PDB file of N, CA and C in Angstrom:
ATOM      1  N   MET A   1       0.816  -1.486   0.171  1.00  0.00           N
ATOM      2  CA  MET A   1       0.235   0.089   0.237  1.00  0.00           C
ATOM      3  C   MET A   1       0.970   1.240   0.527  1.00  0.00           C
ATOM      4  N   THR A   2       0.629   2.125  -0.691  1.00  0.00           N
ATOM      5  CA  THR A   2       1.556   3.239  -0.647  1.00  0.00           C
ATOM      6  C   THR A   2       0.983   4.040  -0.020  1.00  0.00           C
ATOM      7  N   VAL A   3       1.480   5.756   0.049  1.00  0.00           N
ATOM      8  CA  VAL A   3       1.021   6.710   1.284  1.00  0.00           C
ATOM      9  C   VAL A   3      -0.164   7.393   0.067  1.00  0.00           C
ATOM     10  N   ALA A   4      -0.208   7.379  -0.938  1.00  0.00           N
ATOM     11  CA  ALA A   4      -2.035   7.458  -1.812  1.00  0.00           C
ATOM     12  C   ALA A   4      -3.033   6.233  -1.572  1.00  0.00           C
ATOM     13  N   GLU A   5      -2.505   5.843  -1.696  1.00  0.00           N
ATOM     14  CA  GLU A   5      -3.672   4.680  -0.988  1.00  0.00           C
ATOM     15  C   GLU A   5      -4.383   5.215  -0.125  1.00  0.00           C
ATOM     16  N   LEU A   6      -3.406   5.925   0.933  1.00  0.00           N
ATOM     17  CA  LEU A   6      -4.219   6.012   2.397  1.00  0.00           C
ATOM     18  C   LEU A   6      -5.532   6.725   2.378  1.00  0.00           C
ATOM     19  N   ALA A   7      -5.297   7.630   1.044  1.00  0.00           N
ATOM     20  CA  ALA A   7      -6.227   9.015   1.632  1.00  0.00           C
ATOM     21  C   ALA A   7      -7.359   8.820   1.403  1.00  0.00           C
ATOM     22  N   GLU A   8      -7.516   7.296   0.899  1.00  0.00           N
ATOM     23  CA  GLU A   8      -8.649   6.988   1.046  1.00  0.00           C
ATOM     24  C   GLU A   8      -9.673   6.626   2.625  1.00  0.00           C
ATOM     25  N   PHE A   9      -9.025   6.820   3.429  1.00  0.00           N
ATOM     26  CA  PHE A   9      -8.731   6.831   4.537  1.00  0.00           C
ATOM     27  C   PHE A   9      -9.361   8.309   5.369  1.00  0.00           C
ATOM     28  N   TRP A  10      -8.655   9.095   4.800  1.00  0.00           N
ATOM     29  CA  TRP A  10      -8.376  10.253   5.709  1.00  0.00           C
ATOM     30  C   TRP A  10      -9.528  11.055   5.421  1.00  0.00           C
ATOM     31  N   VAL A  11     -11.096  10.450   6.020  1.00  0.00           N
ATOM     32  CA  VAL A  11     -11.720  10.859   6.388  1.00  0.00           C
ATOM     33  C   VAL A  11     -12.676  11.996   6.873  1.00  0.00           C
ATOM     34  N   HIS A  12     -12.216  12.287   7.589  1.00  0.00           N
ATOM     35  CA  HIS A  12     -12.513  13.607   8.684  1.00  0.00           C
ATOM     36  C   HIS A  12     -11.278  14.880   8.177  1.00  0.00           C
ATOM     37  N   ARG A  13     -12.102  15.982   8.697  1.00  0.00           N
ATOM     38  CA  ARG A  13     -11.209  17.312   8.433  1.00  0.00           C
ATOM     39  C   ARG A  13     -11.306  17.556   9.827  1.00  0.00           C
ATOM     40  N   VAL A  14     -10.392  18.453  10.074  1.00  0.00           N
ATOM     41  CA  VAL A  14      -9.819  19.249  11.250  1.00  0.00           C
ATOM     42  C   VAL A  14      -9.018  20.854  11.079  1.00  0.00           C
ATOM     43  N   THR A  15      -9.165  21.407  11.828  1.00  0.00           N
ATOM     44  CA  THR A  15      -8.675  22.576  12.150  1.00  0.00           C
ATOM     45  C   THR A  15      -7.370  23.027  12.862  1.00  0.00           C
ATOM     46  N   VAL A  16      -6.371  23.006  12.447  1.00  0.00           N
ATOM     47  CA  VAL A  16      -5.199  22.980  13.821  1.00  0.00           C
ATOM     48  C   VAL A  16      -4.694  24.237  13.507  1.00  0.00           C
ATOM     49  N   GLU A  17      -4.335  24.872  15.292  1.00  0.00           N
ATOM     50  CA  GLU A  17      -3.946  25.807  15.144  1.00  0.00           C
ATOM     51  C   GLU A  17      -2.729  25.629  16.364  1.00  0.00           C
ATOM     52  N   PRO A  18      -1.482  25.551  15.293  1.00  0.00           N
ATOM     53  CA  PRO A  18      -0.395  25.198  15.802  1.00  0.00           C
ATOM     54  C   PRO A  18       0.202  26.047  16.730  1.00  0.00           C
ATOM     55  N   TYR A  19       1.416  25.223  17.917  1.00  0.00           N
ATOM     56  CA  TYR A  19       0.991  25.596  18.844  1.00  0.00           C
ATOM     57  C   TYR A  19       2.723  26.502  18.984  1.00  0.00           C
ATOM     58  N   GLU A  20       2.982  27.706  19.171  1.00  0.00           N
ATOM     59  CA  GLU A  20       4.317  28.477  18.644  1.00  0.00           C
ATOM     60  C   GLU A  20       5.117  28.912  19.981  1.00  0.00           C
ATOM     61  N   GLY A  21       4.449  28.447  21.428  1.00  0.00           N
ATOM     62  CA  GLY A  21       5.404  28.629  22.658  1.00  0.00           C
ATOM     63  C   GLY A  21       4.557  29.723  22.971  1.00  0.00           C
ATOM     64  N   GLU A  22       5.291  30.129  24.236  1.00  0.00           N
ATOM     65  CA  GLU A  22       4.590  30.924  25.460  1.00  0.00           C
ATOM     66  C   GLU A  22       4.569  32.305  24.976  1.00  0.00           C
ATOM     67  N   GLY A  23       4.062  33.394  25.791  1.00  0.00           N
ATOM     68  CA  GLY A  23       4.077  34.646  25.859  1.00  0.00           C
ATOM     69  C   GLY A  23       3.799  34.879  27.156  1.00  0.00           C
ATOM     70  N   ALA A  24       3.474  36.351  27.133  1.00  0.00           N
ATOM     71  CA  ALA A  24       3.913  37.111  28.650  1.00  0.00           C
ATOM     72  C   ALA A  24       1.737  36.687  29.041  1.00  0.00           C
ATOM     73  N   TYR A  25       1.191  36.338  28.204  1.00  0.00           N
ATOM     74  CA  TYR A  25      -0.342  36.286  28.475  1.00  0.00           C
ATOM     75  C   TYR A  25      -0.516  34.881  27.913  1.00  0.00           C
ATOM     76  N   GLY A  26       0.390  33.726  27.998  1.00  0.00           N
ATOM     77  CA  GLY A  26      -0.151  32.204  27.502  1.00  0.00           C
ATOM     78  C   GLY A  26       0.630  31.920  26.570  1.00  0.00           C
ATOM     79  N   PRO A  27      -0.319  30.530  26.199  1.00  0.00           N
ATOM     80  CA  PRO A  27       0.275  30.013  24.630  1.00  0.00           C
ATOM     81  C   PRO A  27       0.342  30.730  23.667  1.00  0.00           C
ATOM     82  N   ILE A  28       1.060  30.745  22.612  1.00  0.00           N
ATOM     83  CA  ILE A  28       0.654  32.006  21.278  1.00  0.00           C
ATOM     84  C   ILE A  28       0.771  30.176  20.575  1.00  0.00           C
ATOM     85  N   TYR A  29      -0.346  30.578  19.508  1.00  0.00           N
ATOM     86  CA  TYR A  29      -0.596  29.551  18.163  1.00  0.00           C
ATOM     87  C   TYR A  29      -0.318  30.553  17.117  1.00  0.00           C
ATOM     88  N   GLY A  30      -0.204  29.948  15.996  1.00  0.00           N
ATOM     89  CA  GLY A  30       0.142  30.120  15.085  1.00  0.00           C
ATOM     90  C   GLY A  30      -1.823  30.173  13.978  1.00  0.00           C
ATOM     91  N   ALA A  31      -1.476  30.561  12.937  1.00  0.00           N
ATOM     92  CA  ALA A  31      -2.710  31.033  12.464  1.00  0.00           C
ATOM     93  C   ALA A  31      -3.073  29.691  11.745  1.00  0.00           C
ATOM     94  N   PRO A  32      -4.450  29.668  11.885  1.00  0.00           N
ATOM     95  CA  PRO A  32      -5.499  28.291  11.850  1.00  0.00           C
ATOM     96  C   PRO A  32      -4.984  27.552  10.248  1.00  0.00           C
ATOM     97  N   VAL A  33      -5.439  26.499  10.486  1.00  0.00           N
ATOM     98  CA  VAL A  33      -4.484  25.697   9.106  1.00  0.00           C
ATOM     99  C   VAL A  33      -5.959  24.611   9.192  1.00  0.00           C
ATOM    100  N   ALA A  34      -7.749  25.200   8.149  1.00  0.00           N
ATOM    101  CA  ALA A  34      -8.825  24.385   8.346  1.00  0.00           C
ATOM    102  C   ALA A  34      -8.600  23.009   6.964  1.00  0.00           C
ATOM    103  N   ASP A  35      -9.315  22.472   7.125  1.00  0.00           N
ATOM    104  CA  ASP A  35      -9.621  21.493   6.204  1.00  0.00           C
ATOM    105  C   ASP A  35      -8.226  20.243   6.226  1.00  0.00           C
ATOM    106  N   VAL A  36      -7.912  19.715   7.133  1.00  0.00           N
ATOM    107  CA  VAL A  36      -6.650  19.051   7.120  1.00  0.00           C
ATOM    108  C   VAL A  36      -7.426  17.962   7.251  1.00  0.00           C
ATOM    109  N   ALA A  37      -7.149  16.673   6.083  1.00  0.00           N
ATOM    110  CA  ALA A  37      -7.623  15.327   6.336  1.00  0.00           C
ATOM    111  C   ALA A  37      -6.772  14.474   7.022  1.00  0.00           C
ATOM    112  N   CYS A  38      -7.473  13.529   7.302  1.00  0.00           N
ATOM    113  CA  CYS A  38      -6.987  13.021   8.949  1.00  0.00           C
ATOM    114  C   CYS A  38      -8.392  12.007   9.115  1.00  0.00           C
ATOM    115  N   TYR A  39      -7.817  10.852  10.225  1.00  0.00           N
ATOM    116  CA  TYR A  39      -8.745  10.308  10.421  1.00  0.00           C
ATOM    117  C   TYR A  39      -9.193   9.933  11.784  1.00  0.00           C
ATOM    118  N   VAL A  40      -9.973  10.818  12.671  1.00  0.00           N
ATOM    119  CA  VAL A  40     -10.090  10.837  14.150  1.00  0.00           C
ATOM    120  C   VAL A  40     -10.698   9.397  14.647  1.00  0.00           C
ATOM    121  N   GLU A  41      -9.959   8.965  15.682  1.00  0.00           N
ATOM    122  CA  GLU A  41     -10.166   8.102  16.609  1.00  0.00           C
ATOM    123  C   GLU A  41     -10.887   8.591  18.124  1.00  0.00           C
ATOM    124  N   ASN A  42     -12.124   8.427  18.564  1.00  0.00           N
ATOM    125  CA  ASN A  42     -12.370   8.365  19.930  1.00  0.00           C
ATOM    126  C   ASN A  42     -11.805   7.073  20.934  1.00  0.00           C
ATOM    127  N   ARG A  43     -10.915   6.687  21.279  1.00  0.00           N
ATOM    128  CA  ARG A  43     -10.575   6.016  22.149  1.00  0.00           C
ATOM    129  C   ARG A  43      -9.363   6.465  23.112  1.00  0.00           C
ATOM    130  N   ARG A  44      -9.856   6.275  24.699  1.00  0.00           N
ATOM    131  CA  ARG A  44      -8.782   6.155  25.557  1.00  0.00           C
ATOM    132  C   ARG A  44      -7.464   5.613  25.245  1.00  0.00           C
ATOM    133  N   GLN A  45      -6.327   6.185  25.715  1.00  0.00           N
ATOM    134  CA  GLN A  45      -5.119   5.459  26.090  1.00  0.00           C
ATOM    135  C   GLN A  45      -4.607   6.314  26.760  1.00  0.00           C
ATOM    136  N   LEU A  46      -3.079   5.821  27.373  1.00  0.00           N
ATOM    137  CA  LEU A  46      -2.576   6.326  28.554  1.00  0.00           C
ATOM    138  C   LEU A  46      -1.224   6.620  27.645  1.00  0.00           C
ATOM    139  N   VAL A  47      -0.321   7.595  27.334  1.00  0.00           N
ATOM    140  CA  VAL A  47       0.510   8.298  26.810  1.00  0.00           C
ATOM    141  C   VAL A  47       1.501   9.229  27.882  1.00  0.00           C
ATOM    142  N   ARG A  48       2.684   9.092  26.847  1.00  0.00           N
ATOM    143  CA  ARG A  48       3.471  10.085  27.574  1.00  0.00           C
ATOM    144  C   ARG A  48       3.320  11.517  26.971  1.00  0.00           C
ATOM    145  N   ASP A  49       4.071  12.903  27.719  1.00  0.00           N
ATOM    146  CA  ASP A  49       3.783  14.174  26.980  1.00  0.00           C
ATOM    147  C   ASP A  49       4.904  14.476  27.360  1.00  0.00           C
ATOM    148  N   ARG A  50       5.282  15.408  26.453  1.00  0.00           N
ATOM    149  CA  ARG A  50       6.589  15.776  25.891  1.00  0.00           C
ATOM    150  C   ARG A  50       7.844  16.161  27.043  1.00  0.00           C
ATOM    151  N   THR A  51       7.045  15.842  28.566  1.00  0.00           N
ATOM    152  CA  THR A  51       7.885  16.129  29.954  1.00  0.00           C
ATOM    153  C   THR A  51       8.305  14.573  30.001  1.00  0.00           C
ATOM    154  N   GLY A  52       7.893  13.503  29.848  1.00  0.00           N
ATOM    155  CA  GLY A  52       7.686  12.202  30.092  1.00  0.00           C
ATOM    156  C   GLY A  52       6.284  11.531  31.313  1.00  0.00           C
ATOM    157  N   ALA A  53       5.952  12.857  31.848  1.00  0.00           N
ATOM    158  CA  ALA A  53       4.345  12.794  32.077  1.00  0.00           C
ATOM    159  C   ALA A  53       3.632  11.222  31.647  1.00  0.00           C
ATOM    160  N   GLU A  54       2.914  10.075  32.946  1.00  0.00           N
ATOM    161  CA  GLU A  54       2.271   9.831  31.855  1.00  0.00           C
ATOM    162  C   GLU A  54       0.575  10.573  31.916  1.00  0.00           C
ATOM    163  N   VAL A  55       0.119  10.602  30.892  1.00  0.00           N
ATOM    164  CA  VAL A  55      -1.225  11.424  31.097  1.00  0.00           C
ATOM    165  C   VAL A  55      -2.708  10.741  29.982  1.00  0.00           C
ATOM    166  N   VAL A  56      -3.437  10.671  30.295  1.00  0.00           N
ATOM    167  CA  VAL A  56      -4.634   9.906  29.216  1.00  0.00           C
ATOM    168  C   VAL A  56      -4.911  11.060  28.132  1.00  0.00           C
ATOM    169  N   SER A  57      -4.846  10.359  26.922  1.00  0.00           N
ATOM    170  CA  SER A  57      -4.933  10.632  25.980  1.00  0.00           C
ATOM    171  C   SER A  57      -6.706  10.222  25.645  1.00  0.00           C
ATOM    172  N   ASP A  58      -7.719  10.937  24.999  1.00  0.00           N
ATOM    173  CA  ASP A  58      -9.385  10.437  24.777  1.00  0.00           C
ATOM    174  C   ASP A  58      -9.043  10.540  23.362  1.00  0.00           C
ATOM    175  N   THR A  59      -8.831  11.134  22.460  1.00  0.00           N
ATOM    176  CA  THR A  59      -8.396  11.593  21.164  1.00  0.00           C
ATOM    177  C   THR A  59      -7.559  10.769  20.383  1.00  0.00           C
ATOM    178  N   THR A  60      -7.187  10.045  19.193  1.00  0.00           N
ATOM    179  CA  THR A  60      -6.401   9.920  18.427  1.00  0.00           C
ATOM    180  C   THR A  60      -6.243  10.308  17.236  1.00  0.00           C
ATOM    181  N   ILE A  61      -5.367  11.099  16.558  1.00  0.00           N
ATOM    182  CA  ILE A  61      -5.515  11.461  15.286  1.00  0.00           C
ATOM    183  C   ILE A  61      -4.713  11.040  14.303  1.00  0.00           C
ATOM    184  N   TYR A  62      -4.756  10.142  12.953  1.00  0.00           N
ATOM    185  CA  TYR A  62      -3.919   9.728  12.204  1.00  0.00           C
ATOM    186  C   TYR A  62      -4.353  10.621  10.670  1.00  0.00           C
ATOM    187  N   ALA A  63      -3.067  11.342  10.149  1.00  0.00           N
ATOM    188  CA  ALA A  63      -2.766  11.927   9.090  1.00  0.00           C
ATOM    189  C   ALA A  63      -1.425  11.635   8.258  1.00  0.00           C
ATOM    190  N   PRO A  64      -1.351  12.535   7.087  1.00  0.00           N
ATOM    191  CA  PRO A  64      -0.234  11.946   6.348  1.00  0.00           C
ATOM    192  C   PRO A  64       0.815  12.447   7.085  1.00  0.00           C
ATOM    193  N   VAL A  65       2.163  11.927   6.943  1.00  0.00           N
ATOM    194  CA  VAL A  65       3.243  12.511   7.735  1.00  0.00           C
ATOM    195  C   VAL A  65       3.877  13.636   7.323  1.00  0.00           C
ATOM    196  N   GLU A  66       3.310  14.261   6.002  1.00  0.00           N
ATOM    197  CA  GLU A  66       3.636  15.494   5.727  1.00  0.00           C
ATOM    198  C   GLU A  66       2.893  16.511   6.412  1.00  0.00           C
ATOM    199  N   ARG A  67       1.978  16.273   7.644  1.00  0.00           N
ATOM    200  CA  ARG A  67       1.372  17.056   8.323  1.00  0.00           C
ATOM    201  C   ARG A  67       2.064  17.328   9.474  1.00  0.00           C
ATOM    202  N   ALA A  68       3.179  16.099   9.910  1.00  0.00           N
ATOM    203  CA  ALA A  68       3.135  16.121  11.271  1.00  0.00           C
ATOM    204  C   ALA A  68       3.801  17.520  11.800  1.00  0.00           C
ATOM    205  N   GLY A  69       4.314  18.615  11.175  1.00  0.00           N
ATOM    206  CA  GLY A  69       4.776  19.960  11.803  1.00  0.00           C
ATOM    207  C   GLY A  69       3.761  20.482  12.042  1.00  0.00           C
ATOM    208  N   LEU A  70       2.227  20.645  11.514  1.00  0.00           N
ATOM    209  CA  LEU A  70       1.372  21.192  11.655  1.00  0.00           C
ATOM    210  C   LEU A  70       0.593  21.097  13.216  1.00  0.00           C
ATOM    211  N   PHE A  71       1.158  19.414  13.566  1.00  0.00           N
ATOM    212  CA  PHE A  71       0.934  19.362  15.471  1.00  0.00           C
ATOM    213  C   PHE A  71       1.929  19.002  16.213  1.00  0.00           C
ATOM    214  N   PRO A  72       2.769  19.956  16.687  1.00  0.00           N
ATOM    215  CA  PRO A  72       3.322  20.162  18.013  1.00  0.00           C
ATOM    216  C   PRO A  72       2.865  20.003  19.124  1.00  0.00           C
ATOM    217  N   PRO A  73       3.584  19.537  20.019  1.00  0.00           N
ATOM    218  CA  PRO A  73       2.454  19.460  21.255  1.00  0.00           C
ATOM    219  C   PRO A  73       2.429  20.730  22.056  1.00  0.00           C
ATOM    220  N   GLY A  74       1.034  20.644  22.127  1.00  0.00           N
ATOM    221  CA  GLY A  74       0.682  22.297  22.708  1.00  0.00           C
ATOM    222  C   GLY A  74      -0.560  22.771  21.960  1.00  0.00           C
ATOM    223  N   SER A  75      -0.587  21.955  20.579  1.00  0.00           N
ATOM    224  CA  SER A  75      -1.679  23.085  19.332  1.00  0.00           C
ATOM    225  C   SER A  75      -2.838  22.651  19.859  1.00  0.00           C
ATOM    226  N   ARG A  76      -3.556  23.421  19.176  1.00  0.00           N
ATOM    227  CA  ARG A  76      -5.363  23.394  19.468  1.00  0.00           C
ATOM    228  C   ARG A  76      -6.064  22.969  18.169  1.00  0.00           C
ATOM    229  N   VAL A  77      -6.753  21.674  18.395  1.00  0.00           N
ATOM    230  CA  VAL A  77      -7.138  21.093  17.276  1.00  0.00           C
ATOM    231  C   VAL A  77      -8.921  21.272  17.437  1.00  0.00           C
ATOM    232  N   ALA A  78      -9.300  21.628  16.467  1.00  0.00           N
ATOM    233  CA  ALA A  78     -10.702  21.702  16.300  1.00  0.00           C
ATOM    234  C   ALA A  78     -11.038  20.405  15.606  1.00  0.00           C
ATOM    235  N   LEU A  79     -12.251  19.805  16.501  1.00  0.00           N
ATOM    236  CA  LEU A  79     -12.701  18.441  15.877  1.00  0.00           C
ATOM    237  C   LEU A  79     -13.731  18.470  15.545  1.00  0.00           C
ATOM    238  N   PRO A  80     -13.921  17.245  14.531  1.00  0.00           N
ATOM    239  CA  PRO A  80     -14.894  16.875  13.474  1.00  0.00           C
ATOM    240  C   PRO A  80     -16.510  16.386  14.390  1.00  0.00           C
ATOM    241  N   ASP A  81     -17.642  16.647  13.986  1.00  0.00           N
ATOM    242  CA  ASP A  81     -19.015  16.719  14.550  1.00  0.00           C
ATOM    243  C   ASP A  81     -19.125  15.482  15.472  1.00  0.00           C
ATOM    244  N   HIS A  82     -18.597  14.635  15.073  1.00  0.00           N
ATOM    245  CA  HIS A  82     -18.715  13.056  15.482  1.00  0.00           C
ATOM    246  C   HIS A  82     -18.145  12.981  16.760  1.00  0.00           C
ATOM    247  N   THR A  83     -17.341  13.705  17.149  1.00  0.00           N
ATOM    248  CA  THR A  83     -16.325  13.174  18.785  1.00  0.00           C
ATOM    249  C   THR A  83     -16.874  14.181  19.122  1.00  0.00           C
ATOM    250  N   PRO A  84     -16.793  13.533  20.984  1.00  0.00           N
ATOM    251  CA  PRO A  84     -17.677  13.866  21.955  1.00  0.00           C
ATOM    252  C   PRO A  84     -17.454  15.685  22.527  1.00  0.00           C
ATOM    253  N   VAL A  85     -15.870  15.802  21.743  1.00  0.00           N
ATOM    254  CA  VAL A  85     -15.717  17.185  22.502  1.00  0.00           C
ATOM    255  C   VAL A  85     -15.608  18.290  20.979  1.00  0.00           C
ATOM    256  N   ALA A  86     -15.747  19.259  21.166  1.00  0.00           N
ATOM    257  CA  ALA A  86     -15.088  20.308  20.002  1.00  0.00           C
ATOM    258  C   ALA A  86     -14.080  20.736  19.902  1.00  0.00           C
ATOM    259  N   ALA A  87     -13.092  20.743  20.523  1.00  0.00           N
ATOM    260  CA  ALA A  87     -11.639  20.991  20.376  1.00  0.00           C
ATOM    261  C   ALA A  87     -10.818  20.285  21.285  1.00  0.00           C
ATOM    262  N   THR A  88      -9.510  20.372  21.415  1.00  0.00           N
ATOM    263  CA  THR A  88      -8.927  19.149  22.220  1.00  0.00           C
ATOM    264  C   THR A  88      -7.366  20.228  22.143  1.00  0.00           C
ATOM    265  N   LEU A  89      -6.107  19.869  22.740  1.00  0.00           N
ATOM    266  CA  LEU A  89      -4.675  20.109  22.830  1.00  0.00           C
ATOM    267  C   LEU A  89      -3.992  18.528  22.508  1.00  0.00           C
ATOM    268  N   VAL A  90      -3.278  18.818  21.262  1.00  0.00           N
ATOM    269  CA  VAL A  90      -2.126  17.996  20.945  1.00  0.00           C
ATOM    270  C   VAL A  90      -0.929  17.429  22.506  1.00  0.00           C
ATOM    271  N   ILE A  91      -1.327  16.162  22.466  1.00  0.00           N
ATOM    272  CA  ILE A  91       0.088  15.752  23.633  1.00  0.00           C
ATOM    273  C   ILE A  91       1.602  15.720  23.118  1.00  0.00           C
ATOM    274  N   SER A  92       1.396  14.647  22.345  1.00  0.00           N
ATOM    275  CA  SER A  92       2.234  14.434  21.926  1.00  0.00           C
ATOM    276  C   SER A  92       2.092  13.792  20.246  1.00  0.00           C
ATOM    277  N   THR A  93       3.384  13.805  19.372  1.00  0.00           N
ATOM    278  CA  THR A  93       2.915  13.526  17.796  1.00  0.00           C
ATOM    279  C   THR A  93       4.293  12.462  17.553  1.00  0.00           C
ATOM    280  N   SER A  94       4.015  11.410  16.820  1.00  0.00           N
ATOM    281  CA  SER A  94       4.919  10.334  16.480  1.00  0.00           C
ATOM    282  C   SER A  94       4.724  10.204  14.815  1.00  0.00           C
ATOM    283  N   PRO A  95       5.499  11.008  14.396  1.00  0.00           N
ATOM    284  CA  PRO A  95       5.884  10.564  12.497  1.00  0.00           C
ATOM    285  C   PRO A  95       6.016   9.188  12.604  1.00  0.00           C
ATOM    286  N   LEU A  96       5.610   8.063  11.650  1.00  0.00           N
ATOM    287  CA  LEU A  96       5.658   6.266  11.186  1.00  0.00           C
ATOM    288  C   LEU A  96       6.286   6.696   9.758  1.00  0.00           C
ATOM    289  N   THR A  97       7.563   6.281  10.331  1.00  0.00           N
ATOM    290  CA  THR A  97       7.882   6.029   8.323  1.00  0.00           C
ATOM    291  C   THR A  97       8.704   5.056   8.070  1.00  0.00           C
ATOM    292  N   SER A  98       8.737   4.200   7.049  1.00  0.00           N
ATOM    293  CA  SER A  98       8.977   2.810   7.013  1.00  0.00           C
ATOM    294  C   SER A  98      10.083   2.505   6.035  1.00  0.00           C
ATOM    295  N   GLY A  99      11.078   4.106   5.991  1.00  0.00           N
ATOM    296  CA  GLY A  99      12.285   4.039   5.415  1.00  0.00           C
ATOM    297  C   GLY A  99      12.001   2.979   4.070  1.00  0.00           C
ATOM    298  N   GLY A 100      12.928   2.277   3.608  1.00  0.00           N
ATOM    299  CA  GLY A 100      12.768   1.554   2.071  1.00  0.00           C
ATOM    300  C   GLY A 100      11.855   0.454   2.512  1.00  0.00           C
ATOM    301  N   LEU A 101      11.088   0.380   2.803  1.00  0.00           N
ATOM    302  CA  LEU A 101      10.130  -1.190   3.442  1.00  0.00           C
ATOM    303  C   LEU A 101       8.956  -0.769   2.596  1.00  0.00           C
ATOM    304  N   GLY A 102       8.080   0.176   1.996  1.00  0.00           N
ATOM    305  CA  GLY A 102       7.203   0.307   0.961  1.00  0.00           C
ATOM    306  C   GLY A 102       6.205   0.205   1.689  1.00  0.00           C
ATOM    307  N   LEU A 103       5.926   0.812   3.117  1.00  0.00           N
ATOM    308  CA  LEU A 103       4.852   0.845   3.807  1.00  0.00           C
ATOM    309  C   LEU A 103       4.545   1.995   3.924  1.00  0.00           C
ATOM    310  N   PRO A 104       3.285   2.615   4.068  1.00  0.00           N
ATOM    311  CA  PRO A 104       2.482   3.903   3.951  1.00  0.00           C
ATOM    312  C   PRO A 104       3.061   4.642   5.086  1.00  0.00           C
ATOM    313  N   ASP A 105       3.529   5.756   5.401  1.00  0.00           N
ATOM    314  CA  ASP A 105       4.237   6.789   6.302  1.00  0.00           C
ATOM    315  C   ASP A 105       3.212   7.509   6.529  1.00  0.00           C
ATOM    316  N   HIS A 106       3.086   7.632   7.805  1.00  0.00           N
ATOM    317  CA  HIS A 106       1.750   8.690   8.758  1.00  0.00           C
ATOM    318  C   HIS A 106       2.250   9.043  10.193  1.00  0.00           C
ATOM    319  N   VAL A 107       1.315   9.813  10.636  1.00  0.00           N
ATOM    320  CA  VAL A 107       1.789  10.741  11.977  1.00  0.00           C
ATOM    321  C   VAL A 107       0.530  10.238  12.696  1.00  0.00           C
ATOM    322  N   VAL A 108       0.910   9.672  14.104  1.00  0.00           N
ATOM    323  CA  VAL A 108      -0.082   9.521  15.049  1.00  0.00           C
ATOM    324  C   VAL A 108       0.091  10.933  16.187  1.00  0.00           C
ATOM    325  N   ILE A 109      -1.118  11.239  16.109  1.00  0.00           N
ATOM    326  CA  ILE A 109      -1.228  12.413  17.001  1.00  0.00           C
ATOM    327  C   ILE A 109      -2.102  12.285  18.137  1.00  0.00           C
ATOM    328  N   ALA A 110      -1.356  12.228  19.571  1.00  0.00           N
ATOM    329  CA  ALA A 110      -2.569  11.810  20.553  1.00  0.00           C
ATOM    330  C   ALA A 110      -2.797  13.135  21.212  1.00  0.00           C
ATOM    331  N   CYS A 111      -4.160  13.373  21.541  1.00  0.00           N
ATOM    332  CA  CYS A 111      -4.544  14.512  22.309  1.00  0.00           C
ATOM    333  C   CYS A 111      -5.292  14.068  23.282  1.00  0.00           C
ATOM    334  N   LYS A 112      -5.928  15.232  24.458  1.00  0.00           N
ATOM    335  CA  LYS A 112      -6.412  15.503  25.692  1.00  0.00           C
ATOM    336  C   LYS A 112      -7.623  14.815  25.035  1.00  0.00           C
TER     337      LYS A 112
END
């Protein structure tokens, strides 16, 4: 299966505001990026955040690996209608690449 063949599975759309750092008044976010193709799964699991602490993730997003840079930890994500919450924050981003194996590359985004 090629990356292009995964496109049929990106049935959901989200809007992402990439986290850019902290300012005097709290988090700073980049301009919203709308209509990001992905697959959103409502699944509770234990994950580690950027400090190594264990936290509960209630939403997992799968997207093309080329979109990994849109989802740094701390980013805000507006979710599709079928999810129990309207928006969430990114806990961790895990790009998965296959190297020379020819498997589809994608990114797994754990969210609160």
